[in-house]
Amino acid sequence: MTRPTSRDVATAAGVSQATVSLVLGDKWRGRVSERTAALVRETATHLGYRPNLAARNLRLGTTRTALLVVPALTNEFFARVYTGAARIAAEHGFGVVLYPSPDGTGPARDPFASARAALDGVIASSMAAGALDAIGGADLPLVMLDSDPTAGRAAAHVNLAMADGMRQTAEHLLGLGHRRILHLASAVDSWTFDTRAEALAALLGPHAELRTTRSTLTVDGARTATEKALTAPGDRPTAIVCDDDILAAGACKAARRLGLRIPDDLSVTGFDDLALATAVDPELTTVHLPAERVGEQGMTALLAVLDATPWTAPDIPVHLVVRDSTGPAPA
């Protein structure tokens, strides 16, 4: 069977195509009677008529589609960002296409023959603005999430208060008496991790000895890096600050392999507050990042940019969730 057209609806309802367009486009008030509008809607439903969105978008010069670019899908944080962005998008008749960049935080390839023809705008999380040059160039509005607010061509930025998250972590550990601290840092080269490292070094510098070791964003990579750091010459750290909950899980595995008790011998903190944080034992002290809110604000910012409305907002607050993986420094 062929797909019903607006002409079929008009014929079945005994009205003109113009009337069908007014009613189904919700522009009938003051032009068409309520009775006729109800008849057109009932007829369209009965025939199974659906508007040709492709034709409408071509006519209006818009696709009502946004692209969300993320470095990977293996991190729950980005799934939550998508959930928030899709929720706001749906409320405004938009769709969101999720695109994990094949090269992580490196330059992202255009997933379409031409992004400019398929999209109204791009949202990118935890990447550099320059990595998006192949997607739309300067022709598509770009909103950056969790990224350097001073760099690139982005029309709007949405950031979390990352430095404040590290401040809360540092104050928590210092309050517990820790003075030898290891920073298990992500080996990913990005603004968000650089910001965490700079904030931690500045906060702990005058008060504690801070050592840094880097790891890939995997549990096994973190376990290996932590074992090496904890068995290195010199006094062993009494606490580990991890850039991510996944790294923290690896650090906890390393501690157990070395016969160390958490938190009696070693305290461990994370960052993100993923589901993993309460799956490990003991449960993880970590900085909660409201990822869905990041996605919501990102989509809200893109809608404002498309509407030529200025958009600014303060950094989204984060907070430390204290659980059982941290305790007083050992004597």
Protein backbone atom coordinates (compact mmCIF):
# COMPACT_ATOMS: atom_id res chain seq x y z
CA MET A 1 0.00 0.00 0.00
CA THR A 2 1.18 3.51 -0.75
CA ARG A 3 1.67 5.94 2.08
CA PRO A 4 -1.37 8.22 2.61
CA THR A 5 -0.85 11.84 1.55
CA SER A 6 -2.39 15.08 2.70
CA ARG A 7 -4.44 14.99 -0.53
CA ASP A 8 -5.92 11.64 0.56
CA VAL A 9 -6.83 13.16 3.93
CA ALA A 10 -8.43 16.16 2.22
CA THR A 11 -10.46 13.96 -0.13
CA ALA A 12 -11.66 11.66 2.65
CA ALA A 13 -12.60 14.59 4.91
CA GLY A 14 -14.20 16.58 2.11
CA VAL A 15 -11.97 19.63 2.64
CA SER A 16 -9.13 21.34 0.78
CA GLN A 17 -5.45 20.45 1.14
CA ALA A 18 -4.88 23.93 2.52
CA THR A 19 -7.31 23.16 5.34
CA VAL A 20 -5.48 19.91 6.10
CA SER A 21 -2.18 21.79 6.24
CA LEU A 22 -3.61 24.40 8.60
CA VAL A 23 -5.08 21.81 10.95
CA LEU A 24 -2.14 19.40 11.05
CA GLY A 25 0.27 22.32 11.33
CA ASP A 26 -1.74 23.59 14.31
CA LYS A 27 -2.43 26.91 12.59
CA TRP A 28 -6.18 26.49 12.13
CA ARG A 29 -7.54 28.64 14.96
CA GLY A 30 -9.47 31.59 13.58
CA ARG A 31 -9.42 30.08 10.09
CA VAL A 32 -11.12 26.70 10.46
CA SER A 33 -14.00 25.67 12.70
CA GLU A 34 -13.31 23.35 15.63
CA ARG A 35 -15.67 20.80 14.08
CA THR A 36 -13.72 20.76 10.80
CA ALA A 37 -10.40 20.61 12.63
CA ALA A 38 -11.60 17.60 14.63
CA LEU A 39 -12.80 15.91 11.43
CA VAL A 40 -9.43 16.41 9.72
CA ARG A 41 -7.53 14.99 12.70
CA GLU A 42 -9.82 11.97 12.94
CA THR A 43 -9.51 11.32 9.21
CA ALA A 44 -5.72 11.57 9.33
CA THR A 45 -5.60 9.11 12.23
CA HIS A 46 -7.96 6.71 10.50
CA LEU A 47 -5.90 6.73 7.28
CA GLY A 48 -2.62 6.44 9.18
CA TYR A 49 -1.33 9.68 7.70
CA ARG A 50 2.06 10.93 8.86
CA PRO A 51 3.62 14.20 7.66
CA ASN A 52 6.67 13.97 5.43
CA LEU A 53 9.24 15.44 7.80
CA ALA A 54 12.02 15.34 5.23
CA ALA A 55 10.00 17.48 2.84
CA ARG A 56 8.99 19.85 5.62
CA ASN A 57 12.57 20.24 6.80
CA LEU A 58 13.77 20.89 3.26
CA ARG A 59 11.11 23.57 2.89
CA LEU A 60 11.96 25.22 6.20
CA GLY A 61 15.72 24.86 5.84
CA THR A 62 16.10 23.02 9.14
CA THR A 63 16.49 19.40 10.22
CA ARG A 64 15.63 19.81 13.93
CA THR A 65 18.52 17.45 14.64
CA ALA A 66 21.56 17.96 16.84
CA LEU A 67 24.71 15.86 16.96
CA LEU A 68 26.22 15.00 20.35
CA VAL A 69 29.90 14.07 19.96
CA VAL A 70 31.59 12.20 22.84
CA PRO A 71 35.05 10.63 23.14
CA ALA A 72 33.68 7.16 23.97
CA LEU A 73 30.61 5.19 24.99
CA THR A 74 32.43 3.10 27.59
CA ASN A 75 31.99 5.80 30.25
CA GLU A 76 28.60 6.08 31.91
CA PHE A 77 29.07 9.85 32.24
CA PHE A 78 28.48 10.37 28.51
CA ALA A 79 25.36 8.19 28.51
CA ARG A 80 23.93 10.45 31.20
CA VAL A 81 24.87 13.57 29.22
CA TYR A 82 22.96 12.15 26.25
CA THR A 83 19.92 11.39 28.41
CA GLY A 84 19.76 15.00 29.58
CA ALA A 85 20.27 16.47 26.11
CA ALA A 86 17.66 14.16 24.53
CA ARG A 87 15.09 15.09 27.19
CA ILE A 88 15.32 18.82 26.44
CA ALA A 89 15.50 18.17 22.71
CA ALA A 90 12.29 16.12 22.74
CA GLU A 91 10.47 18.91 24.56
CA HIS A 92 11.28 21.19 21.61
CA GLY A 93 10.67 18.76 18.77
CA PHE A 94 14.35 18.04 18.20
CA GLY A 95 16.24 14.77 17.91
CA VAL A 96 19.77 14.07 19.15
CA VAL A 97 22.14 11.76 17.29
CA LEU A 98 24.88 10.32 19.51
CA TYR A 99 28.30 10.03 17.87
CA PRO A 100 31.28 8.48 19.67
CA SER A 101 34.38 9.90 17.98
CA PRO A 102 36.43 7.01 16.53
CA ASP A 103 39.63 8.77 17.63
CA GLY A 104 38.56 9.62 21.17
CA THR A 105 39.39 13.22 22.02
CA GLY A 106 41.34 13.61 18.76
CA PRO A 107 39.94 15.17 15.57
CA ALA A 108 36.43 13.81 14.95
CA ARG A 109 35.47 12.72 11.45
CA ASP A 110 32.24 13.89 9.81
CA PRO A 111 29.80 10.97 10.32
CA PHE A 112 27.65 12.16 7.40
CA ALA A 113 28.30 12.92 3.76
CA SER A 114 27.86 16.50 4.93
CA ALA A 115 27.00 17.40 8.50
CA ARG A 116 25.93 20.85 7.33
CA ALA A 117 23.08 19.29 5.37
CA ALA A 118 22.00 16.82 8.05
CA LEU A 119 22.23 18.87 11.26
CA ASP A 120 21.17 22.12 12.87
CA GLY A 121 23.98 22.14 15.42
CA VAL A 122 26.67 20.20 17.27
CA ILE A 123 27.21 19.59 20.98
CA ALA A 124 30.56 18.12 22.00
CA SER A 125 31.56 16.83 25.42
CA SER A 126 35.05 16.73 26.94
CA MET A 127 36.88 17.50 23.70
CA ALA A 128 38.80 20.39 22.19
CA ALA A 129 36.80 22.68 19.91
CA GLY A 130 39.43 22.24 17.20
CA ALA A 131 38.67 18.53 17.11
CA LEU A 132 35.27 19.37 15.63
CA ASP A 133 36.53 21.26 12.56
CA ALA A 134 35.66 18.42 10.19
CA ILE A 135 32.06 18.43 11.39
CA GLY A 136 30.35 21.46 9.94
CA GLY A 137 33.34 23.76 10.06
CA ALA A 138 32.27 27.28 10.96
CA ASP A 139 28.81 26.80 9.41
CA LEU A 140 27.19 24.86 12.24
CA PRO A 141 26.57 26.25 15.74
CA LEU A 142 28.80 24.49 18.26
CA VAL A 143 28.23 24.09 22.00
CA MET A 144 31.11 22.71 24.06
CA LEU A 145 30.60 20.76 27.30
CA ASP A 146 33.30 20.20 29.93
CA SER A 147 35.86 21.93 27.71
CA ASP A 148 38.20 24.92 27.67
CA PRO A 149 35.97 28.03 27.75
CA THR A 150 38.70 30.25 26.29
CA ALA A 151 39.55 28.24 23.18
CA GLY A 152 37.97 27.52 19.83
CA ARG A 153 34.95 28.72 17.92
CA ALA A 154 32.17 27.49 20.21
CA ALA A 155 29.06 29.66 20.40
CA ALA A 156 28.41 28.58 24.01
CA HIS A 157 30.07 26.61 26.80
CA VAL A 158 28.68 24.44 29.61
CA ASN A 159 31.15 23.48 32.31
CA LEU A 160 31.21 21.80 35.68
CA ALA A 161 32.97 23.30 38.69
CA MET A 162 35.84 20.82 38.38
CA ALA A 163 38.33 22.85 40.40
CA ASP A 164 35.85 23.12 43.24
CA GLY A 165 35.41 19.34 43.18
CA MET A 166 39.12 18.93 43.70
CA ARG A 167 39.02 21.56 46.46
CA GLN A 168 36.40 19.55 48.32
CA THR A 169 38.44 16.36 47.90
CA ALA A 170 41.66 17.98 49.08
CA GLU A 171 40.03 19.56 52.13
CA HIS A 172 38.41 16.24 53.03
CA LEU A 173 41.74 14.37 52.95
CA LEU A 174 43.67 17.10 54.72
CA GLY A 175 41.02 17.13 57.43
CA LEU A 176 41.60 13.41 57.91
CA GLY A 177 45.31 14.06 58.48
CA HIS A 178 46.68 12.88 55.11
CA ARG A 179 49.95 14.53 54.12
CA ARG A 180 51.35 12.06 51.54
CA ILE A 181 48.98 11.94 48.59
CA LEU A 182 49.20 10.24 45.21
CA HIS A 183 47.33 11.71 42.24
CA LEU A 184 46.32 8.89 39.90
CA ALA A 185 45.82 11.05 36.83
CA SER A 186 44.21 10.19 33.51
CA ALA A 187 46.63 9.86 30.61
CA VAL A 188 44.03 11.46 28.33
CA ASP A 189 45.19 14.89 27.19
CA SER A 190 42.16 17.12 27.78
CA TRP A 191 41.18 20.38 29.46
CA THR A 192 38.98 18.68 32.04
CA PHE A 193 41.80 16.50 33.40
CA ASP A 194 44.35 19.32 33.21
CA THR A 195 41.99 21.47 35.29
CA ARG A 196 41.70 18.78 37.96
CA ALA A 197 45.48 18.32 38.14
CA GLU A 198 46.19 22.06 38.38
CA ALA A 199 43.57 22.56 41.08
CA LEU A 200 44.81 19.63 43.18
CA ALA A 201 48.45 20.74 42.97
CA ALA A 202 47.56 24.29 43.97
CA LEU A 203 45.43 23.16 46.91
CA LEU A 204 47.79 20.55 48.33
CA GLY A 205 51.10 22.24 47.53
CA PRO A 206 51.60 24.13 50.79
CA HIS A 207 50.13 21.41 53.01
CA ALA A 208 51.09 17.96 51.70
CA GLU A 209 53.51 16.00 49.57
CA LEU A 210 51.86 15.32 46.20
CA ARG A 211 53.10 12.73 43.73
CA THR A 212 51.51 12.08 40.33
CA THR A 213 51.32 8.97 38.19
CA ARG A 214 49.35 8.62 34.97
CA SER A 215 47.16 5.79 33.76
CA THR A 216 44.97 4.84 30.84
CA LEU A 217 41.26 5.06 31.64
CA THR A 218 40.90 1.35 32.38
CA VAL A 219 40.73 -0.66 35.60
CA ASP A 220 43.71 -2.80 34.61
CA GLY A 221 45.78 0.21 33.60
CA ALA A 222 45.01 1.91 36.91
CA ARG A 223 45.83 -1.23 38.89
CA THR A 224 49.23 -1.55 37.21
CA ALA A 225 50.08 2.15 37.62
CA THR A 226 49.01 2.14 41.28
CA GLU A 227 50.98 -1.00 42.17
CA LYS A 228 54.09 0.59 40.67
CA ALA A 229 53.54 3.86 42.56
CA LEU A 230 52.82 2.19 45.91
CA THR A 231 55.93 -0.01 45.74
CA ALA A 232 58.29 2.77 44.64
CA PRO A 233 61.13 3.79 47.01
CA GLY A 234 60.26 6.26 49.74
CA ASP A 235 57.36 6.70 52.11
CA ARG A 236 54.15 5.18 50.81
CA PRO A 237 51.22 7.59 50.15
CA THR A 238 48.38 7.39 52.63
CA ALA A 239 45.72 8.53 50.14
CA ILE A 240 45.10 8.34 46.40
CA VAL A 241 43.09 10.97 44.51
CA CYS A 242 41.82 9.50 41.23
CA ASP A 243 40.65 11.48 38.19
CA ASP A 244 37.81 9.04 37.58
CA ASP A 245 35.87 6.29 39.37
CA ILE A 246 37.23 3.71 36.93
CA LEU A 247 40.77 4.65 37.96
CA ALA A 248 39.71 4.45 41.60
CA ALA A 249 38.43 0.90 41.09
CA GLY A 250 41.83 -0.08 39.70
CA ALA A 251 43.58 1.62 42.62
CA CYS A 252 41.47 -0.38 45.07
CA LYS A 253 42.39 -3.63 43.30
CA ALA A 254 46.07 -2.72 43.52
CA ALA A 255 45.80 -1.99 47.24
CA ARG A 256 44.20 -5.38 47.91
CA ARG A 257 46.87 -7.18 45.90
CA LEU A 258 49.51 -5.49 48.06
CA GLY A 259 47.72 -6.48 51.26
CA LEU A 260 46.62 -2.94 52.11
CA ARG A 261 43.29 -2.30 53.81
CA ILE A 262 41.00 0.49 52.59
CA PRO A 263 40.64 2.91 54.33
CA ASP A 264 42.74 1.74 57.33
CA ASP A 265 46.04 1.71 55.43
CA LEU A 266 45.10 3.71 52.34
CA SER A 267 42.26 6.10 51.46
CA VAL A 268 41.01 6.31 47.86
CA THR A 269 38.80 8.95 46.20
CA GLY A 270 37.21 9.06 42.76
CA PHE A 271 35.56 11.54 40.44
CA ASP A 272 32.19 11.25 38.60
CA ASP A 273 30.05 9.21 41.03
CA LEU A 274 29.25 6.51 38.50
CA ALA A 275 27.22 3.41 39.40
CA LEU A 276 30.60 1.76 39.93
CA ALA A 277 31.17 3.95 43.01
CA THR A 278 28.66 1.97 45.07
CA ALA A 279 29.47 -1.37 43.44
CA VAL A 280 33.00 -1.56 44.84
CA ASP A 281 33.69 -2.55 48.44
CA PRO A 282 34.19 -0.39 50.39
CA GLU A 283 31.97 2.09 48.58
CA LEU A 284 33.85 4.97 47.02
CA THR A 285 34.20 8.52 48.25
CA THR A 286 33.88 10.52 45.04
CA VAL A 287 32.88 13.84 43.49
CA HIS A 288 29.35 13.72 42.11
CA LEU A 289 29.05 15.22 38.62
CA PRO A 290 25.42 15.90 37.54
CA ALA A 291 25.95 14.63 34.00
CA GLU A 292 22.28 14.75 32.97
CA ARG A 293 22.16 18.41 33.92
CA VAL A 294 25.22 19.00 31.71
CA GLY A 295 23.31 17.49 28.78
CA GLU A 296 20.20 19.51 29.58
CA GLN A 297 22.13 22.77 29.69
CA GLY A 298 24.04 21.85 26.54
CA MET A 299 20.85 21.36 24.54
CA THR A 300 19.29 24.47 26.10
CA ALA A 301 22.35 26.46 25.06
CA LEU A 302 22.16 25.15 21.49
CA LEU A 303 18.47 26.07 21.24
CA ALA A 304 19.31 29.58 22.45
CA VAL A 305 22.09 29.90 19.88
CA LEU A 306 19.76 28.73 17.09
CA ASP A 307 17.27 31.35 18.25
CA ALA A 308 20.01 34.00 18.17
CA THR A 309 19.61 34.50 21.92
CA PRO A 310 22.73 35.16 24.05
CA TRP A 311 23.41 32.29 26.44
CA THR A 312 25.65 32.28 29.48
CA ALA A 313 25.52 30.32 32.71
CA PRO A 314 27.78 29.77 35.73
CA ASP A 315 29.64 26.50 36.13
CA ILE A 316 27.38 23.68 37.31
CA PRO A 317 28.04 22.90 41.01
CA VAL A 318 29.51 19.53 42.01
CA HIS A 319 29.76 17.97 45.47
CA LEU A 320 31.84 15.40 47.29
CA VAL A 321 30.00 12.26 48.39
CA VAL A 322 31.83 10.79 51.40
CA ARG A 323 31.61 7.00 51.68
CA ASP A 324 33.74 4.28 53.26
CA SER A 325 36.85 4.38 51.06
CA THR A 326 38.35 7.29 53.02
CA GLY A 327 39.35 7.47 56.68
CA PRO A 328 41.95 8.97 59.02
CA ALA A 329 45.56 8.81 57.90
CA PRO A 330 47.39 5.84 59.45
CA ALA A 331 49.77 6.74 62.28
